[in-house]
Amino acid sequence: MIVSDLPVARVIAESSRDASLVLLGFKTPEQDQELKMFYELEEIAGDLARVILVASAGGMTRES
């Protein structure tokens, strides 16, 4: 886990640019927000080599 004040897309791009595989969690979007989520994930995944999207079960904190 990386904690930063920088935009999440930038942090992931910088910390994962050399990774062969990135697991990227996401929360299921609210109804009518699916397209917005798609574009946000596309921005985050950017130019990463391979990304697996994992639906979050929720309920997790940094302390977990």
PDB file of N, CA and C in Angstrom:
ATOM      1  N   MET A   1       0.845  -1.156   0.000  1.00  0.00           N
ATOM      2  CA  MET A   1       0.000   0.000   0.000  1.00  0.00           C
ATOM      3  C   MET A   1       0.895   1.224   0.000  1.00  0.00           C
ATOM      4  N   ILE A   2       0.524   2.196  -0.805  1.00  0.00           N
ATOM      5  CA  ILE A   2       1.237   3.469  -0.880  1.00  0.00           C
ATOM      6  C   ILE A   2       0.271   4.558  -0.454  1.00  0.00           C
ATOM      7  N   VAL A   3       0.686   5.365   0.496  1.00  0.00           N
ATOM      8  CA  VAL A   3      -0.125   6.494   0.948  1.00  0.00           C
ATOM      9  C   VAL A   3       0.546   7.750   0.419  1.00  0.00           C
ATOM     10  N   SER A   4      -0.212   8.568  -0.294  1.00  0.00           N
ATOM     11  CA  SER A   4       0.352   9.762  -0.923  1.00  0.00           C
ATOM     12  C   SER A   4      -0.716  10.825  -1.090  1.00  0.00           C
ATOM     13  N   ASP A   5      -0.267  12.068  -1.170  1.00  0.00           N
ATOM     14  CA  ASP A   5      -1.168  13.184  -1.458  1.00  0.00           C
ATOM     15  C   ASP A   5      -1.265  13.453  -2.959  1.00  0.00           C
ATOM     16  N   LEU A   6      -0.472  12.730  -3.745  1.00  0.00           N
ATOM     17  CA  LEU A   6      -0.489  12.908  -5.199  1.00  0.00           C
ATOM     18  C   LEU A   6      -1.715  12.216  -5.787  1.00  0.00           C
ATOM     19  N   PRO A   7      -2.110  12.599  -7.003  1.00  0.00           N
ATOM     20  CA  PRO A   7      -3.240  11.920  -7.663  1.00  0.00           C
ATOM     21  C   PRO A   7      -2.954  10.423  -7.821  1.00  0.00           C
ATOM     22  N   VAL A   8      -3.973   9.611  -7.591  1.00  0.00           N
ATOM     23  CA  VAL A   8      -3.806   8.155  -7.591  1.00  0.00           C
ATOM     24  C   VAL A   8      -3.247   7.643  -8.918  1.00  0.00           C
ATOM     25  N   ALA A   9      -3.676   8.194 -10.033  1.00  0.00           N
ATOM     26  CA  ALA A   9      -3.176   7.738 -11.345  1.00  0.00           C
ATOM     27  C   ALA A   9      -1.668   7.948 -11.438  1.00  0.00           C
ATOM     28  N   ARG A  10      -1.179   9.060 -10.930  1.00  0.00           N
ATOM     29  CA  ARG A  10       0.261   9.352 -10.977  1.00  0.00           C
ATOM     30  C   ARG A  10       1.042   8.398 -10.071  1.00  0.00           C
ATOM     31  N   VAL A  11       0.537   8.166  -8.877  1.00  0.00           N
ATOM     32  CA  VAL A  11       1.220   7.280  -7.933  1.00  0.00           C
ATOM     33  C   VAL A  11       1.325   5.869  -8.509  1.00  0.00           C
ATOM     34  N   ILE A  12       0.237   5.372  -9.054  1.00  0.00           N
ATOM     35  CA  ILE A  12       0.250   4.020  -9.628  1.00  0.00           C
ATOM     36  C   ILE A  12       1.185   3.959 -10.831  1.00  0.00           C
ATOM     37  N   ALA A  13       1.120   4.958 -11.693  1.00  0.00           N
ATOM     38  CA  ALA A  13       1.989   4.977 -12.878  1.00  0.00           C
ATOM     39  C   ALA A  13       3.459   4.974 -12.483  1.00  0.00           C
ATOM     40  N   GLU A  14       3.828   5.793 -11.488  1.00  0.00           N
ATOM     41  CA  GLU A  14       5.232   5.891 -11.090  1.00  0.00           C
ATOM     42  C   GLU A  14       5.709   4.656 -10.333  1.00  0.00           C
ATOM     43  N   SER A  15       4.874   4.127  -9.459  1.00  0.00           N
ATOM     44  CA  SER A  15       5.320   3.003  -8.630  1.00  0.00           C
ATOM     45  C   SER A  15       5.208   1.660  -9.340  1.00  0.00           C
ATOM     46  N   SER A  16       4.418   1.592 -10.391  1.00  0.00           N
ATOM     47  CA  SER A  16       4.172   0.301 -11.057  1.00  0.00           C
ATOM     48  C   SER A  16       4.649   0.255 -12.503  1.00  0.00           C
ATOM     49  N   ARG A  17       5.335   1.276 -12.961  1.00  0.00           N
ATOM     50  CA  ARG A  17       5.705   1.346 -14.379  1.00  0.00           C
ATOM     51  C   ARG A  17       6.546   0.178 -14.862  1.00  0.00           C
ATOM     52  N   ASP A  18       7.343  -0.433 -13.970  1.00  0.00           N
ATOM     53  CA  ASP A  18       8.191  -1.556 -14.382  1.00  0.00           C
ATOM     54  C   ASP A  18       7.595  -2.912 -14.012  1.00  0.00           C
ATOM     55  N   ALA A  19       6.392  -2.908 -13.461  1.00  0.00           N
ATOM     56  CA  ALA A  19       5.756  -4.163 -13.037  1.00  0.00           C
ATOM     57  C   ALA A  19       5.270  -4.964 -14.239  1.00  0.00           C
ATOM     58  N   SER A  20       5.398  -6.273 -14.135  1.00  0.00           N
ATOM     59  CA  SER A  20       4.877  -7.156 -15.177  1.00  0.00           C
ATOM     60  C   SER A  20       3.368  -7.282 -15.079  1.00  0.00           C
ATOM     61  N   LEU A  21       2.845  -7.141 -13.846  1.00  0.00           N
ATOM     62  CA  LEU A  21       1.421  -7.295 -13.602  1.00  0.00           C
ATOM     63  C   LEU A  21       1.017  -6.414 -12.428  1.00  0.00           C
ATOM     64  N   VAL A  22      -0.092  -5.701 -12.584  1.00  0.00           N
ATOM     65  CA  VAL A  22      -0.624  -4.854 -11.516  1.00  0.00           C
ATOM     66  C   VAL A  22      -2.034  -5.323 -11.196  1.00  0.00           C
ATOM     67  N   LEU A  23      -2.310  -5.564  -9.910  1.00  0.00           N
ATOM     68  CA  LEU A  23      -3.661  -5.866  -9.451  1.00  0.00           C
ATOM     69  C   LEU A  23      -4.271  -4.562  -8.987  1.00  0.00           C
ATOM     70  N   LEU A  24      -5.378  -4.187  -9.578  1.00  0.00           N
ATOM     71  CA  LEU A  24      -6.001  -2.901  -9.297  1.00  0.00           C
ATOM     72  C   LEU A  24      -7.416  -3.125  -8.792  1.00  0.00           C
ATOM     73  N   GLY A  25      -7.638  -2.797  -7.531  1.00  0.00           N
ATOM     74  CA  GLY A  25      -8.953  -2.963  -6.939  1.00  0.00           C
ATOM     75  C   GLY A  25      -9.898  -1.842  -7.340  1.00  0.00           C
ATOM     76  N   PHE A  26     -11.171  -2.159  -7.381  1.00  0.00           N
ATOM     77  CA  PHE A  26     -12.172  -1.129  -7.669  1.00  0.00           C
ATOM     78  C   PHE A  26     -13.459  -1.459  -6.933  1.00  0.00           C
ATOM     79  N   LYS A  27     -14.214  -0.430  -6.664  1.00  0.00           N
ATOM     80  CA  LYS A  27     -15.521  -0.581  -6.026  1.00  0.00           C
ATOM     81  C   LYS A  27     -16.575  -0.587  -7.125  1.00  0.00           C
ATOM     82  N   THR A  28     -17.535  -1.486  -7.035  1.00  0.00           N
ATOM     83  CA  THR A  28     -18.612  -1.538  -8.020  1.00  0.00           C
ATOM     84  C   THR A  28     -19.300  -0.178  -8.069  1.00  0.00           C
ATOM     85  N   PRO A  29     -19.427   0.399  -9.261  1.00  0.00           N
ATOM     86  CA  PRO A  29     -19.999   1.745  -9.363  1.00  0.00           C
ATOM     87  C   PRO A  29     -21.505   1.773  -9.109  1.00  0.00           C
ATOM     88  N   GLU A  30     -21.963   2.933  -8.715  1.00  0.00           N
ATOM     89  CA  GLU A  30     -23.400   3.155  -8.578  1.00  0.00           C
ATOM     90  C   GLU A  30     -24.036   3.081  -9.970  1.00  0.00           C
ATOM     91  N   GLN A  31     -25.329   2.835 -10.012  1.00  0.00           N
ATOM     92  CA  GLN A  31     -26.037   2.788 -11.292  1.00  0.00           C
ATOM     93  C   GLN A  31     -25.849   4.117 -12.016  1.00  0.00           C
ATOM     94  N   ASP A  32     -25.638   4.052 -13.306  1.00  0.00           N
ATOM     95  CA  ASP A  32     -25.406   5.202 -14.189  1.00  0.00           C
ATOM     96  C   ASP A  32     -24.028   5.841 -14.002  1.00  0.00           C
ATOM     97  N   GLN A  33     -23.136   5.204 -13.227  1.00  0.00           N
ATOM     98  CA  GLN A  33     -21.776   5.717 -13.047  1.00  0.00           C
ATOM     99  C   GLN A  33     -20.738   4.791 -13.675  1.00  0.00           C
ATOM    100  N   GLU A  34     -21.220   3.771 -14.386  1.00  0.00           N
ATOM    101  CA  GLU A  34     -20.316   2.770 -14.956  1.00  0.00           C
ATOM    102  C   GLU A  34     -19.332   3.374 -15.962  1.00  0.00           C
ATOM    103  N   LEU A  35     -19.811   4.233 -16.832  1.00  0.00           N
ATOM    104  CA  LEU A  35     -18.936   4.831 -17.847  1.00  0.00           C
ATOM    105  C   LEU A  35     -17.888   5.724 -17.201  1.00  0.00           C
ATOM    106  N   LYS A  36     -18.275   6.471 -16.200  1.00  0.00           N
ATOM    107  CA  LYS A  36     -17.332   7.323 -15.467  1.00  0.00           C
ATOM    108  C   LYS A  36     -16.233   6.461 -14.843  1.00  0.00           C
ATOM    109  N   MET A  37     -16.632   5.349 -14.221  1.00  0.00           N
ATOM    110  CA  MET A  37     -15.661   4.450 -13.618  1.00  0.00           C
ATOM    111  C   MET A  37     -14.727   3.873 -14.678  1.00  0.00           C
ATOM    112  N   PHE A  38     -15.276   3.500 -15.819  1.00  0.00           N
ATOM    113  CA  PHE A  38     -14.465   2.960 -16.905  1.00  0.00           C
ATOM    114  C   PHE A  38     -13.374   3.940 -17.302  1.00  0.00           C
ATOM    115  N   TYR A  39     -13.722   5.201 -17.496  1.00  0.00           N
ATOM    116  CA  TYR A  39     -12.732   6.196 -17.903  1.00  0.00           C
ATOM    117  C   TYR A  39     -11.712   6.462 -16.803  1.00  0.00           C
ATOM    118  N   GLU A  40     -12.138   6.439 -15.552  1.00  0.00           N
ATOM    119  CA  GLU A  40     -11.200   6.628 -14.443  1.00  0.00           C
ATOM    120  C   GLU A  40     -10.202   5.472 -14.373  1.00  0.00           C
ATOM    121  N   LEU A  41     -10.707   4.241 -14.525  1.00  0.00           N
ATOM    122  CA  LEU A  41      -9.810   3.092 -14.504  1.00  0.00           C
ATOM    123  C   LEU A  41      -8.866   3.101 -15.706  1.00  0.00           C
ATOM    124  N   GLU A  42      -9.367   3.539 -16.834  1.00  0.00           N
ATOM    125  CA  GLU A  42      -8.522   3.635 -18.025  1.00  0.00           C
ATOM    126  C   GLU A  42      -7.391   4.629 -17.796  1.00  0.00           C
ATOM    127  N   GLU A  43      -7.688   5.745 -17.148  1.00  0.00           N
ATOM    128  CA  GLU A  43      -6.655   6.739 -16.837  1.00  0.00           C
ATOM    129  C   GLU A  43      -5.638   6.172 -15.851  1.00  0.00           C
ATOM    130  N   ILE A  44      -6.126   5.461 -14.840  1.00  0.00           N
ATOM    131  CA  ILE A  44      -5.236   4.892 -13.832  1.00  0.00           C
ATOM    132  C   ILE A  44      -4.349   3.817 -14.443  1.00  0.00           C
ATOM    133  N   ALA A  45      -4.932   2.915 -15.233  1.00  0.00           N
ATOM    134  CA  ALA A  45      -4.162   1.821 -15.827  1.00  0.00           C
ATOM    135  C   ALA A  45      -3.160   2.347 -16.835  1.00  0.00           C
ATOM    136  N   GLY A  46      -3.521   3.433 -17.515  1.00  0.00           N
ATOM    137  CA  GLY A  46      -2.607   4.111 -18.422  1.00  0.00           C
ATOM    138  C   GLY A  46      -1.820   3.188 -19.319  1.00  0.00           C
ATOM    139  N   ASP A  47      -0.512   3.300 -19.221  1.00  0.00           N
ATOM    140  CA  ASP A  47       0.391   2.534 -20.084  1.00  0.00           C
ATOM    141  C   ASP A  47       0.991   1.328 -19.379  1.00  0.00           C
ATOM    142  N   LEU A  48       0.368   0.886 -18.294  1.00  0.00           N
ATOM    143  CA  LEU A  48       0.896  -0.280 -17.588  1.00  0.00           C
ATOM    144  C   LEU A  48       0.806  -1.509 -18.481  1.00  0.00           C
ATOM    145  N   ALA A  49       1.769  -2.409 -18.319  1.00  0.00           N
ATOM    146  CA  ALA A  49       1.861  -3.582 -19.201  1.00  0.00           C
ATOM    147  C   ALA A  49       0.619  -4.470 -19.118  1.00  0.00           C
ATOM    148  N   ARG A  50       0.283  -4.915 -17.911  1.00  0.00           N
ATOM    149  CA  ARG A  50      -0.879  -5.794 -17.709  1.00  0.00           C
ATOM    150  C   ARG A  50      -1.540  -5.417 -16.404  1.00  0.00           C
ATOM    151  N   VAL A  51      -2.859  -5.347 -16.442  1.00  0.00           N
ATOM    152  CA  VAL A  51      -3.623  -4.975 -15.253  1.00  0.00           C
ATOM    153  C   VAL A  51      -4.768  -5.963 -15.073  1.00  0.00           C
ATOM    154  N   ILE A  52      -4.912  -6.462 -13.860  1.00  0.00           N
ATOM    155  CA  ILE A  52      -6.064  -7.282 -13.506  1.00  0.00           C
ATOM    156  C   ILE A  52      -6.925  -6.445 -12.572  1.00  0.00           C
ATOM    157  N   LEU A  53      -8.174  -6.238 -12.952  1.00  0.00           N
ATOM    158  CA  LEU A  53      -9.105  -5.491 -12.120  1.00  0.00           C
ATOM    159  C   LEU A  53      -9.779  -6.450 -11.152  1.00  0.00           C
ATOM    160  N   VAL A  54      -9.800  -6.074  -9.877  1.00  0.00           N
ATOM    161  CA  VAL A  54     -10.350  -6.920  -8.829  1.00  0.00           C
ATOM    162  C   VAL A  54     -11.454  -6.151  -8.116  1.00  0.00           C
ATOM    163  N   ALA A  55     -12.676  -6.694  -8.135  1.00  0.00           N
ATOM    164  CA  ALA A  55     -13.797  -6.043  -7.464  1.00  0.00           C
ATOM    165  C   ALA A  55     -13.598  -6.132  -5.951  1.00  0.00           C
ATOM    166  N   SER A  56     -13.705  -5.003  -5.290  1.00  0.00           N
ATOM    167  CA  SER A  56     -13.514  -4.930  -3.849  1.00  0.00           C
ATOM    168  C   SER A  56     -14.731  -5.468  -3.106  1.00  0.00           C
ATOM    169  N   ALA A  57     -14.475  -6.224  -2.049  1.00  0.00           N
ATOM    170  CA  ALA A  57     -15.549  -6.700  -1.187  1.00  0.00           C
ATOM    171  C   ALA A  57     -15.912  -5.618  -0.175  1.00  0.00           C
ATOM    172  N   GLY A  58     -15.063  -4.577  -0.078  1.00  0.00           N
ATOM    173  CA  GLY A  58     -15.318  -3.485   0.846  1.00  0.00           C
ATOM    174  C   GLY A  58     -14.945  -3.850   2.270  1.00  0.00           C
ATOM    175  N   GLY A  59     -15.132  -2.882   3.163  1.00  0.00           N
ATOM    176  CA  GLY A  59     -14.899  -3.127   4.570  1.00  0.00           C
ATOM    177  C   GLY A  59     -13.438  -3.159   4.995  1.00  0.00           C
ATOM    178  N   MET A  60     -12.515  -2.792   4.137  1.00  0.00           N
ATOM    179  CA  MET A  60     -11.099  -2.831   4.486  1.00  0.00           C
ATOM    180  C   MET A  60     -10.627  -1.425   4.873  1.00  0.00           C
ATOM    181  N   THR A  61      -9.718  -1.389   5.817  1.00  0.00           N
ATOM    182  CA  THR A  61      -9.065  -0.136   6.199  1.00  0.00           C
ATOM    183  C   THR A  61      -7.566  -0.321   6.068  1.00  0.00           C
ATOM    184  N   ARG A  62      -6.828   0.755   6.139  1.00  0.00           N
ATOM    185  CA  ARG A  62      -5.374   0.642   6.061  1.00  0.00           C
ATOM    186  C   ARG A  62      -4.821  -0.180   7.212  1.00  0.00           C
ATOM    187  N   GLU A  63      -5.536  -0.196   8.316  1.00  0.00           N
ATOM    188  CA  GLU A  63      -5.077  -0.925   9.488  1.00  0.00           C
ATOM    189  C   GLU A  63      -5.355  -2.432   9.392  1.00  0.00           C
ATOM    190  N   SER A  64      -6.192  -2.848   8.439  1.00  0.00           N
ATOM    191  CA  SER A  64      -6.593  -4.260   8.332  1.00  0.00           C
ATOM    192  C   SER A  64      -5.451  -5.166   8.000  1.00  0.00           C
TER     193      SER A  64
END
